[in-house]
C-alpha cells in the first residue's frame, strides 16, 4: 500500500498548493514514485487532460513537479463558481450540473465521495507515495460533517498530516493552536507536525514562539518556510490575482505594457503567465477604466460566465475605454470567453449562463456565439498564420487546450488565424478583424509557445519604434527550473529527516 503525507492549512491561501508542489518535486528528485492528490478543488483556473477531461490547475503544476502527465484521478472533484452562490460541479473531469452551495454541501458532496475513494484506490495501487493537499481549514465546524477534502481523506488513508499557517497574515500561532483545539481526538492524532509559511525576517527571532508551539500542542514544528517572491509556478485560483499589479504605472520606459481585463468570473488567467515573465513586458490587470492607461496590447481573458462579464465590462465604462484605445491603434486579443465577447452577439437559448436569451457583443469580429449544453474539452496542436501590425505571424505545433460551451459561426468571410490539427484534417480557429487589430481564439495556452510569443512581442516593439530582440525567456524550461528552486528552498527550510520518518511510520 502506498505511503502518504497530507498538507492542511489553518485557512485558505496559506500556501498548501505551493508546499505540496515542493514536496512532489523533492520526493521525485529522491527517486520516489510520487503523485499529487486533492479530493476537491474550487477554482475557475482549470486544465484539460490528454483524454479531454477537466481538472484543477494546482494539481497540474504538482503533477509537472512530480514528472507526471496530469490526470483527473489527481483531482476527482472540481467546483467552478458560476455566480449567485452556485457552482458547476465536475466529477472525474465531466460536468454533472450546476448546484447551489447548500445543494452541494448538504446533499451531493457525500455522493461525490465515492469518486474520491475510487481515485485514491487507483493511485494507491500505482504509486508508492501520495502527497495530498487539503482545502481551506479542517476545523470549519459548519462544514465538517459533509467535508470530503480534509480529515475524511486523512482518516481514509490514515495519512499523517502537516498543519500549515501563514505567518505573513499575522496570528499564525493562535490559528495553529485554535485549529488543533477544534479537531476531535482522532483527527488531532493524525497531525504529526506544524509548518510556519511565508516568514519574512530573521528566523532566530522566532525561536521562542516555536518552542511555545511545541510545548503547547505537543506537535513538532518541522520548519519555517520563507516568503518566496515571484515563484514562477501556476497559481490555483483568482485569490492570487489580488497580489498582482493593477494599472500601468509601474512599467519601465523600456518595457511593453500589456493590460489584462480582470472581470468577476475571469478564468484561466495562467494563459498570461508566460507574457508576465518576459523581461521586456510589464503585464498588469485592469478592473476599471482609469487602470487601463496606454497599453501596447489589451487582453480579454476567458470567463466562466461570458454574458455577465461582458455586461460588467460595459456597465463600468471599460468597454468605452477599450474602444478608445483600439480606435487609436492598440491591438486587442481575446481568448475563449474573451473571444466570444469580441463578436456581434452572444446567445444563450438554454440559459446555461444567464436568464438573457442574447446579449450584444462588442462587435469587433463578424461572428455570433451560441451556448450549448455540451462543453468542448480537448488538448490541441495548432498552426498560426496571420498579419499583425504590418508583418506576418506564423508558427507550428502550438500546444494548448479548448474548454468552452459556445459554438461560434461567422456572418461574412473572415481571416482565421489558427488551424487546429484533427484526425480528418485542419479546423480553422479564431478570427482577425479587417483592420488586423482585433484577434480572437479558443486556444488556451497559446502564449506559452516561445516563438509565437516573441514574434507577437517583437511586432509590438516595432510599433513602439524599438528594435526586435531575440528570445528572452523559454517558458517551459524556466518552469522546470522554478520547480527545482522551490524544492531547494523548502528542502532547506524543513526538517526533511523528520518528515521522511513521519512518512515511513504512517499506517
Protein backbone atom coordinates (compact mmCIF):
# COMPACT_ATOMS: atom_id res chain seq x y z
CA UNK A 1 0.00 0.00 0.00
CA UNK A 2 1.25 3.47 -0.84
CA UNK A 3 2.57 5.82 1.82
CA UNK A 4 1.08 9.30 2.10
CA UNK A 5 1.60 12.74 3.58
CA UNK A 6 -1.19 15.34 3.73
CA UNK A 7 -0.90 19.13 3.93
CA UNK A 8 -3.73 21.04 5.59
CA UNK A 9 -3.95 24.71 6.46
CA UNK A 10 -5.36 26.87 9.19
CA UNK A 11 -7.23 28.75 6.42
CA UNK A 12 -7.32 29.19 2.67
CA UNK A 13 -4.33 30.66 0.82
CA UNK A 14 -1.70 29.74 3.42
CA UNK A 15 0.50 28.09 0.78
CA UNK A 16 -0.73 24.50 0.78
CA UNK A 17 -0.62 24.22 -3.01
CA UNK A 18 2.92 25.54 -3.32
CA UNK A 19 4.27 23.39 -0.48
CA UNK A 20 2.55 20.33 -1.96
CA UNK A 21 4.23 21.16 -5.26
CA UNK A 22 7.58 21.47 -3.49
CA UNK A 23 7.23 18.08 -1.75
CA UNK A 24 6.24 16.44 -5.05
CA UNK A 25 9.45 17.75 -6.59
CA UNK A 26 11.61 16.84 -3.59
CA UNK A 27 10.37 13.25 -3.40
CA UNK A 28 10.57 12.90 -7.19
CA UNK A 29 14.20 14.04 -7.05
CA UNK A 30 14.78 11.40 -4.37
CA UNK A 31 13.54 8.70 -6.73
CA UNK A 32 10.10 8.15 -5.19
CA UNK A 33 7.16 7.29 -7.46
CA UNK A 34 5.15 10.21 -6.12
CA UNK A 35 1.74 11.54 -7.17
CA UNK A 36 -0.23 14.64 -6.04
CA UNK A 37 -3.86 14.50 -4.95
CA UNK A 38 -6.60 16.90 -3.92
CA UNK A 39 -10.08 15.47 -3.48
CA UNK A 40 -11.94 18.67 -4.27
CA UNK A 41 -10.91 21.99 -5.79
CA UNK A 42 -12.93 25.17 -6.05
CA UNK A 43 -11.36 27.27 -8.78
CA UNK A 44 -12.00 28.85 -12.16
CA UNK A 45 -8.45 28.11 -13.26
CA UNK A 46 -8.79 24.69 -14.84
CA UNK A 47 -6.98 22.49 -17.35
CA UNK A 48 -7.90 19.84 -19.91
CA UNK A 49 -6.14 16.49 -19.76
CA UNK A 50 -4.93 14.49 -22.72
CA UNK A 51 -8.12 12.39 -22.61
CA UNK A 52 -10.31 15.51 -22.74
CA UNK A 53 -11.34 15.87 -19.10
CA UNK A 54 -11.20 18.87 -16.78
CA UNK A 55 -9.22 19.28 -13.56
CA UNK A 56 -7.87 21.98 -11.26
CA UNK A 57 -4.74 23.82 -12.32
CA UNK A 58 -2.94 23.41 -8.99
CA UNK A 59 -2.71 19.65 -9.43
CA UNK A 60 -1.37 20.19 -12.95
CA UNK A 61 1.59 22.11 -11.51
CA UNK A 62 2.06 19.44 -8.85
CA UNK A 63 1.98 16.71 -11.49
CA UNK A 64 4.61 18.56 -13.53
CA UNK A 65 6.77 18.86 -10.42
CA UNK A 66 6.42 15.10 -9.90
CA UNK A 67 7.35 14.41 -13.54
CA UNK A 68 3.85 13.17 -14.42
CA UNK A 69 1.20 13.92 -17.03
CA UNK A 70 -1.87 15.46 -15.35
CA UNK A 71 -4.90 13.15 -14.94
CA UNK A 72 -8.25 13.62 -13.23
CA UNK A 73 -7.56 10.98 -10.57
CA UNK A 74 -5.33 13.67 -9.03
CA UNK A 75 -8.40 15.94 -8.63
CA UNK A 76 -11.65 13.95 -8.89
CA UNK A 77 -13.98 16.79 -7.86
CA UNK A 78 -13.82 20.32 -9.26
CA UNK A 79 -16.23 23.14 -8.38
CA UNK A 80 -16.30 26.11 -10.75
CA UNK A 81 -18.23 29.10 -9.33
CA UNK A 82 -20.80 30.50 -11.74
CA UNK A 83 -22.23 33.28 -9.56
CA UNK A 84 -25.18 33.65 -7.19
CA UNK A 85 -23.67 31.10 -4.75
CA UNK A 86 -23.77 28.42 -7.45
CA UNK A 87 -21.04 26.26 -8.93
CA UNK A 88 -20.69 23.91 -11.84
CA UNK A 89 -19.89 20.51 -10.33
CA UNK A 90 -17.36 18.42 -12.26
CA UNK A 91 -16.80 14.78 -11.26
CA UNK A 92 -13.86 12.89 -12.74
CA UNK A 93 -13.45 15.60 -15.34
CA UNK A 94 -17.07 15.65 -16.53
CA UNK A 95 -19.71 18.28 -15.60
CA UNK A 96 -22.74 16.86 -13.78
CA UNK A 97 -24.69 20.12 -13.37
CA UNK A 98 -24.89 23.42 -11.51
CA UNK A 99 -25.66 23.38 -7.80
CA UNK A 100 -26.07 25.91 -5.04
CA UNK A 101 -23.65 25.79 -2.12
CA UNK A 102 -26.44 24.33 0.04
CA UNK A 103 -27.37 21.68 -2.53
CA UNK A 104 -23.78 20.56 -2.84
CA UNK A 105 -22.64 20.65 0.79
CA UNK A 106 -25.89 19.35 2.29
CA UNK A 107 -26.67 16.67 -0.26
CA UNK A 108 -24.28 15.95 -3.10
CA UNK A 109 -20.79 16.09 -1.58
CA UNK A 110 -21.06 12.71 0.13
CA UNK A 111 -22.18 11.18 -3.18
CA UNK A 112 -19.07 12.68 -4.74
CA UNK A 113 -17.01 10.93 -2.05
CA UNK A 114 -17.42 7.68 -3.98
CA UNK A 115 -15.42 9.14 -6.87
CA UNK A 116 -12.77 10.32 -4.39
CA UNK A 117 -12.41 6.83 -2.89
CA UNK A 118 -12.12 5.21 -6.31
CA UNK A 119 -9.46 7.70 -7.42
CA UNK A 120 -7.49 7.13 -4.22
CA UNK A 121 -7.65 3.36 -4.69
CA UNK A 122 -6.23 3.64 -8.20
CA UNK A 123 -3.43 6.00 -7.15
CA UNK A 124 -2.51 3.88 -4.13
CA UNK A 125 -2.22 0.84 -6.37
CA UNK A 126 0.02 2.57 -8.92
CA UNK A 127 2.26 4.90 -6.86
CA UNK A 128 4.34 4.48 -3.73
CA UNK A 129 3.74 7.95 -2.24
CA UNK A 130 0.76 10.31 -2.31
CA UNK A 131 1.31 13.99 -1.47
CA UNK A 132 -2.18 15.23 -0.62
CA UNK A 133 -3.46 18.78 -0.39
CA UNK A 134 -6.41 19.77 1.77
CA UNK A 135 -8.68 22.78 1.26
CA UNK A 136 -9.42 25.74 3.47
CA UNK A 137 -9.29 24.61 7.09
CA UNK A 138 -10.14 21.18 8.57
CA UNK A 139 -11.76 22.95 11.55
CA UNK A 140 -14.73 24.56 9.80
CA UNK A 141 -17.35 23.22 12.19
CA UNK A 142 -20.28 24.10 9.92
CA UNK A 143 -18.81 22.09 7.02
CA UNK A 144 -17.07 19.16 8.73
CA UNK A 145 -19.96 16.69 8.59
CA UNK A 146 -20.02 16.72 4.78
CA UNK A 147 -16.39 17.65 4.09
CA UNK A 148 -14.70 15.32 1.59
CA UNK A 149 -11.35 17.06 1.13
CA UNK A 150 -9.71 17.29 4.57
CA UNK A 151 -9.97 14.90 7.51
CA UNK A 152 -12.21 12.42 5.70
CA UNK A 153 -9.32 11.81 3.29
CA UNK A 154 -6.74 11.64 6.10
CA UNK A 155 -8.85 9.14 8.05
CA UNK A 156 -9.50 7.03 4.97
CA UNK A 157 -5.76 6.65 4.31
CA UNK A 158 -4.58 7.03 7.91
CA UNK A 159 -2.39 9.74 6.37
CA UNK A 160 -0.08 11.81 8.58
CA UNK A 161 -0.95 15.50 8.41
CA UNK A 162 1.21 18.62 8.37
CA UNK A 163 -0.71 21.69 9.56
CA UNK A 164 0.40 24.93 7.87
CA UNK A 165 -0.06 28.54 8.96
CA UNK A 166 0.70 31.74 7.04
CA UNK A 167 2.66 33.99 9.40
CA UNK A 168 2.59 36.86 6.90
CA UNK A 169 -1.10 37.35 7.72
CA UNK A 170 -0.49 37.54 11.46
CA UNK A 171 -1.99 35.36 14.16
CA UNK A 172 -0.20 32.22 12.98
CA UNK A 173 0.39 30.78 16.45
CA UNK A 174 -3.19 31.34 17.54
CA UNK A 175 -4.52 29.82 14.32
CA UNK A 176 -2.40 26.69 14.75
CA UNK A 177 -3.37 26.23 18.39
CA UNK A 178 -7.03 27.05 17.69
CA UNK A 179 -7.26 24.69 14.74
CA UNK A 180 -5.88 21.81 16.79
CA UNK A 181 -8.29 22.60 19.60
CA UNK A 182 -11.26 22.38 17.23
CA UNK A 183 -10.26 18.95 15.90
CA UNK A 184 -11.52 15.85 17.64
CA UNK A 185 -9.09 13.46 19.32
CA UNK A 186 -8.72 11.11 16.35
CA UNK A 187 -8.13 13.99 13.95
CA UNK A 188 -5.65 15.69 16.27
CA UNK A 189 -3.68 12.45 16.50
CA UNK A 190 -3.23 12.43 12.73
CA UNK A 191 -1.47 15.82 12.83
CA UNK A 192 2.21 14.91 13.04
CA UNK A 193 3.85 18.29 12.54
CA UNK A 194 3.42 22.04 12.17
CA UNK A 195 4.84 24.33 9.48
CA UNK A 196 5.16 28.12 9.54
CA UNK A 197 4.95 29.52 5.99
CA UNK A 198 5.70 32.89 4.31
CA UNK A 199 8.07 34.17 7.00
CA UNK A 200 9.97 37.42 6.42
CA UNK A 201 12.98 38.26 8.56
CA UNK A 202 15.42 36.58 10.92
CA UNK A 203 14.21 33.06 11.77
CA UNK A 204 16.22 33.03 15.01
CA UNK A 205 13.90 35.71 16.40
CA UNK A 206 11.04 33.22 16.05
CA UNK A 207 12.63 30.55 18.25
CA UNK A 208 10.69 31.39 21.45
CA UNK A 209 7.42 31.16 19.53
CA UNK A 210 8.37 27.79 18.05
CA UNK A 211 9.31 26.45 21.49
CA UNK A 212 5.96 27.65 22.81
CA UNK A 213 4.08 25.95 19.96
CA UNK A 214 5.74 22.60 20.58
CA UNK A 215 5.12 22.80 24.33
CA UNK A 216 1.52 23.97 23.94
CA UNK A 217 0.45 21.49 21.24
CA UNK A 218 2.77 18.55 21.72
CA UNK A 219 3.45 18.66 17.98
CA UNK A 220 6.89 19.24 16.44
CA UNK A 221 7.49 22.31 14.32
CA UNK A 222 9.06 20.90 11.16
CA UNK A 223 10.30 24.21 9.89
CA UNK A 224 9.80 27.82 8.85
CA UNK A 225 9.49 28.44 5.11
CA UNK A 226 10.43 31.93 3.92
CA UNK A 227 8.15 34.17 1.89
CA UNK A 228 9.01 33.35 -1.73
CA UNK A 229 8.61 36.19 -4.22
CA UNK A 230 7.76 35.52 -7.88
CA UNK A 231 7.84 31.75 -7.71
CA UNK A 232 7.09 31.35 -11.42
CA UNK A 233 4.63 28.48 -10.88
CA UNK A 234 0.95 28.42 -11.89
CA UNK A 235 -1.39 29.71 -9.20
CA UNK A 236 -4.51 27.81 -8.18
CA UNK A 237 -7.24 30.43 -8.32
CA UNK A 238 -8.04 34.10 -8.64
CA UNK A 239 -7.28 34.80 -4.95
CA UNK A 240 -3.68 35.14 -6.09
CA UNK A 241 -4.75 37.87 -8.53
CA UNK A 242 -5.26 40.18 -5.57
CA UNK A 243 -1.47 40.23 -5.22
CA UNK A 244 -0.91 41.19 -8.89
CA UNK A 245 -0.10 44.64 -10.21
CA UNK A 246 -3.03 46.87 -11.24
CA UNK A 247 -2.72 49.80 -13.65
CA UNK A 248 0.16 50.67 -15.98
CA UNK A 249 2.09 52.95 -13.63
CA UNK A 250 4.95 50.56 -12.80
CA UNK A 251 6.26 49.84 -16.30
CA UNK A 252 9.84 50.82 -17.05
CA UNK A 253 10.44 53.01 -20.07
CA UNK A 254 11.96 50.04 -21.92
CA UNK A 255 9.03 47.68 -21.28
CA UNK A 256 5.93 46.93 -23.31
CA UNK A 257 2.71 47.50 -21.39
CA UNK A 258 0.11 44.73 -21.59
CA UNK A 259 -3.23 45.22 -19.85
CA UNK A 260 -5.37 42.19 -18.88
CA UNK A 261 -9.05 42.91 -18.22
CA UNK A 262 -9.98 41.39 -14.87
CA UNK A 263 -13.66 40.51 -14.63
CA UNK A 264 -15.56 38.91 -11.72
CA UNK A 265 -15.74 35.50 -13.46
CA UNK A 266 -12.26 35.58 -15.03
CA UNK A 267 -10.88 32.10 -15.65
CA UNK A 268 -7.58 30.58 -16.76
CA UNK A 269 -5.52 33.68 -16.01
CA UNK A 270 -2.43 31.45 -16.26
CA UNK A 271 -2.78 31.98 -20.03
CA UNK A 272 -0.74 35.15 -19.47
CA UNK A 273 1.98 33.93 -17.12
CA UNK A 274 4.48 33.43 -19.93
CA UNK A 275 3.96 37.02 -21.05
CA UNK A 276 4.35 38.32 -17.50
CA UNK A 277 7.71 36.58 -17.18
CA UNK A 278 9.22 38.32 -20.22
CA UNK A 279 11.80 40.93 -19.10
CA UNK A 280 10.66 43.47 -21.70
CA UNK A 281 7.00 43.23 -20.61
CA UNK A 282 5.05 44.89 -17.82
CA UNK A 283 1.80 42.94 -17.53
CA UNK A 284 -0.89 44.41 -15.32
CA UNK A 285 -4.57 43.86 -14.53
CA UNK A 286 -7.42 46.26 -15.19
CA UNK A 287 -10.64 46.49 -13.14
CA UNK A 288 -11.84 49.96 -14.17
CA UNK A 289 -11.34 52.48 -17.00
CA UNK A 290 -8.75 54.51 -15.05
CA UNK A 291 -6.47 51.47 -14.73
CA UNK A 292 -6.36 50.79 -18.48
CA UNK A 293 -3.85 53.55 -19.17
CA UNK A 294 -2.00 53.41 -22.50
CA UNK A 295 -1.22 49.73 -23.10
CA UNK A 296 0.58 48.34 -26.12
CA UNK A 297 -1.78 45.34 -26.07
CA UNK A 298 -5.12 44.64 -24.36
CA UNK A 299 -6.02 41.06 -23.41
CA UNK A 300 -9.57 39.80 -22.81
CA UNK A 301 -9.29 36.52 -20.87
CA UNK A 302 -11.59 33.53 -20.55
CA UNK A 303 -14.67 33.65 -18.35
CA UNK A 304 -16.87 31.17 -16.52
CA UNK A 305 -19.80 33.46 -17.33
CA UNK A 306 -19.19 35.29 -20.58
CA UNK A 307 -22.52 37.11 -20.56
CA UNK A 308 -22.19 38.52 -17.04
CA UNK A 309 -18.57 39.53 -17.57
CA UNK A 310 -19.40 41.19 -20.90
CA UNK A 311 -22.15 43.20 -19.22
CA UNK A 312 -19.82 44.06 -16.34
CA UNK A 313 -17.22 45.49 -18.73
CA UNK A 314 -19.94 47.53 -20.39
CA UNK A 315 -21.58 48.75 -17.19
CA UNK A 316 -18.40 50.08 -15.57
CA UNK A 317 -17.41 52.02 -18.67
CA UNK A 318 -14.44 49.80 -19.53
CA UNK A 319 -15.88 48.95 -22.96
CA UNK A 320 -15.71 52.65 -23.92
CA UNK A 321 -12.14 52.92 -22.66
CA UNK A 322 -11.08 49.81 -24.60
CA UNK A 323 -12.79 51.08 -27.75
CA UNK A 324 -10.96 54.39 -27.49
CA UNK A 325 -7.61 52.61 -27.32
CA UNK A 326 -8.43 50.26 -30.22
CA UNK A 327 -9.55 53.25 -32.31
CA UNK A 328 -6.16 54.81 -31.53
CA UNK A 329 -4.41 51.67 -32.84
CA UNK A 330 -3.96 49.43 -29.78
CA UNK A 331 -4.35 45.70 -30.59
CA UNK A 332 -6.99 43.69 -28.69
CA UNK A 333 -6.61 39.92 -28.17
CA UNK A 334 -9.38 37.72 -26.72
CA UNK A 335 -9.15 34.12 -25.56
CA UNK A 336 -12.15 31.79 -25.17
CA UNK A 337 -14.83 33.85 -23.37
CA UNK A 338 -12.92 37.00 -24.31
CA UNK A 339 -13.02 35.86 -27.94
CA UNK A 340 -16.79 35.32 -27.72
CA UNK A 341 -17.25 38.86 -26.38
CA UNK A 342 -15.49 40.28 -29.45
CA UNK A 343 -18.28 39.09 -31.76
CA UNK A 344 -21.62 40.73 -32.53
CA UNK A 345 -23.94 38.59 -30.40
CA UNK A 346 -23.71 36.03 -27.58
CA UNK A 347 -26.82 33.82 -27.46
CA UNK A 348 -27.90 31.62 -24.57
CA UNK A 349 -31.14 29.85 -25.58
CA UNK A 350 -30.78 27.18 -22.86
CA UNK A 351 -29.89 29.79 -20.21
CA UNK A 352 -26.69 27.95 -19.34
CA UNK A 353 -25.09 31.16 -18.05
CA UNK A 354 -27.79 33.79 -17.81
CA UNK A 355 -31.52 34.47 -17.88
CA UNK A 356 -30.92 36.57 -21.01
CA UNK A 357 -31.63 34.95 -24.37
CA UNK A 358 -28.97 37.05 -26.08
CA UNK A 359 -26.52 39.85 -25.37
CA UNK A 360 -24.88 42.23 -27.82
CA UNK A 361 -21.15 41.67 -28.11
CA UNK A 362 -18.51 44.30 -28.67
CA UNK A 363 -18.80 43.92 -32.46
CA UNK A 364 -15.13 43.78 -33.44
CA UNK A 365 -15.47 40.42 -35.22
CA UNK A 366 -18.25 39.39 -37.67
CA UNK A 367 -19.36 36.35 -35.72
CA UNK A 368 -22.04 35.10 -33.34
CA UNK A 369 -21.71 32.62 -30.47
CA UNK A 370 -24.47 30.34 -29.20
CA UNK A 371 -24.05 28.46 -25.94
CA UNK A 372 -24.88 24.75 -25.94
CA UNK A 373 -25.32 22.20 -23.18
CA UNK A 374 -22.21 20.24 -24.19
CA UNK A 375 -18.81 21.58 -23.14
CA UNK A 376 -15.90 21.23 -25.56
CA UNK A 377 -12.81 19.82 -23.84
CA UNK A 378 -9.67 18.80 -25.70
CA UNK A 379 -5.95 19.37 -25.98
CA UNK A 380 -4.89 20.74 -29.35
CA UNK A 381 -1.92 21.32 -31.59
CA UNK A 382 -2.28 24.22 -33.99
CA UNK A 383 -0.51 26.36 -36.54
CA UNK A 384 -0.70 30.15 -36.87
CA UNK A 385 -0.58 32.35 -39.97
CA UNK A 386 -1.89 35.92 -39.98
CA UNK A 387 -0.86 39.52 -40.46
CA UNK A 388 -0.25 41.55 -37.31
CA UNK A 389 0.88 45.18 -37.26
CA UNK A 390 2.30 45.03 -40.75
CA UNK A 391 4.15 41.70 -40.59
CA UNK A 392 3.32 38.01 -40.88
CA UNK A 393 3.00 35.97 -37.68
CA UNK A 394 3.40 32.24 -38.21
CA UNK A 395 4.02 29.19 -36.11
CA UNK A 396 3.62 25.43 -35.94
CA UNK A 397 2.98 22.90 -33.19
CA UNK A 398 1.39 25.46 -30.90
CA UNK A 399 0.14 23.38 -27.97
CA UNK A 400 -2.88 24.35 -25.91
CA UNK A 401 -6.40 23.28 -24.99
CA UNK A 402 -10.03 24.17 -25.56
CA UNK A 403 -12.58 24.45 -22.75
CA UNK A 404 -15.80 26.19 -23.78
CA UNK A 405 -19.54 25.66 -24.26
CA UNK A 406 -20.15 28.16 -27.07
CA UNK A 407 -20.19 27.46 -30.81
CA UNK A 408 -19.08 30.41 -32.95
CA UNK A 409 -20.25 30.97 -36.54
CA UNK A 410 -19.18 33.68 -38.98
CA UNK A 411 -21.51 36.06 -40.80
CA UNK A 412 -19.03 37.00 -43.52
CA UNK A 413 -15.67 35.91 -44.85
CA UNK A 414 -13.03 36.46 -42.19
CA UNK A 415 -9.34 35.74 -41.71
CA UNK A 416 -8.97 32.67 -39.47
CA UNK A 417 -5.52 32.95 -37.84
CA UNK A 418 -5.16 29.47 -36.33
CA UNK A 419 -5.66 25.94 -37.65
CA UNK A 420 -6.10 23.03 -35.26
CA UNK A 421 -4.82 19.60 -36.25
CA UNK A 422 -7.58 16.97 -36.28
CA UNK A 423 -7.78 13.38 -37.49
CA UNK A 424 -9.75 14.49 -40.56
CA UNK A 425 -7.53 17.46 -41.38
CA UNK A 426 -7.26 21.04 -40.17
CA UNK A 427 -10.02 23.00 -38.41
CA UNK A 428 -9.95 26.81 -38.58
CA UNK A 429 -9.98 28.60 -35.22
CA UNK A 430 -10.29 32.19 -34.15
CA UNK A 431 -10.59 35.35 -36.19
CA UNK A 432 -8.81 38.58 -37.08
CA UNK A 433 -10.70 41.80 -37.75
CA UNK A 434 -10.46 43.51 -41.13
CA UNK A 435 -8.10 46.18 -39.75
CA UNK A 436 -5.89 43.50 -38.18
CA UNK A 437 -6.10 44.99 -34.68
CA UNK A 438 -8.52 42.54 -33.04
CA UNK A 439 -7.72 38.84 -32.69
CA UNK A 440 -9.62 36.03 -31.00
CA UNK A 441 -9.04 32.33 -30.37
CA UNK A 442 -10.45 29.44 -28.36
CA UNK A 443 -6.97 28.08 -27.65
CA UNK A 444 -5.84 28.43 -24.04
CA UNK A 445 -2.07 28.41 -23.54
CA UNK A 446 -1.30 29.95 -26.92
CA UNK A 447 1.21 32.37 -25.38
CA UNK A 448 3.17 29.52 -23.80
CA UNK A 449 4.85 28.91 -27.16
CA UNK A 450 8.15 30.77 -27.04
CA UNK A 451 8.48 31.55 -30.76
CA UNK A 452 4.86 32.69 -31.16
CA UNK A 453 5.06 34.86 -28.05
CA UNK A 454 8.31 36.53 -29.07
CA UNK A 455 7.05 37.15 -32.62
CA UNK A 456 3.98 38.92 -31.25
CA UNK A 457 6.03 40.95 -28.77
CA UNK A 458 8.52 41.96 -31.43
CA UNK A 459 5.73 43.36 -33.57
CA UNK A 460 4.63 45.44 -30.58
CA UNK A 461 8.22 46.60 -30.13
CA UNK A 462 8.43 47.71 -33.78
CA UNK A 463 5.13 49.54 -33.30
CA UNK A 464 6.82 51.49 -30.48
CA UNK A 465 9.82 52.25 -32.71
CA UNK A 466 12.07 49.77 -30.88
CA UNK A 467 14.29 47.08 -32.39
CA UNK A 468 13.24 43.46 -32.37
CA UNK A 469 15.11 41.28 -29.86
CA UNK A 470 15.83 37.53 -29.76
CA UNK A 471 14.19 35.02 -27.45
CA UNK A 472 14.38 36.21 -23.85
CA UNK A 473 12.53 33.52 -21.94
CA UNK A 474 11.84 29.83 -22.56
CA UNK A 475 8.67 29.26 -20.62
CA UNK A 476 8.60 25.50 -20.07
CA UNK A 477 12.33 25.28 -19.34
CA UNK A 478 12.04 28.11 -16.83
CA UNK A 479 9.10 26.39 -15.14
CA UNK A 480 11.26 23.31 -14.58
CA UNK A 481 13.95 25.48 -13.04
CA UNK A 482 11.30 27.14 -10.88
CA UNK A 483 10.22 23.74 -9.52
CA UNK A 484 13.85 22.98 -8.70
CA UNK A 485 14.34 26.34 -6.95
CA UNK A 486 11.16 25.87 -4.94
CA UNK A 487 12.18 22.36 -3.92
CA UNK A 488 15.59 23.56 -2.76
CA UNK A 489 14.14 26.40 -0.68
CA UNK A 490 11.62 24.12 1.03
CA UNK A 491 14.16 21.31 1.48
CA UNK A 492 16.50 23.64 3.34
CA UNK A 493 13.63 25.08 5.43
CA UNK A 494 12.06 21.84 6.68
CA UNK A 495 13.43 19.05 8.84
CA UNK A 496 13.39 16.56 5.97
CA UNK A 497 14.77 13.74 8.08
CA UNK A 498 11.86 14.09 10.48
CA UNK A 499 9.42 14.40 7.58
CA UNK A 500 10.71 11.20 5.96
CA UNK A 501 10.36 9.46 9.31
CA UNK A 502 6.74 10.63 9.59
CA UNK A 503 6.00 9.32 6.09
CA UNK A 504 7.62 5.92 6.71
CA UNK A 505 5.84 5.45 10.04
CA UNK A 506 2.36 6.05 8.59
CA UNK A 507 -0.04 3.11 8.77
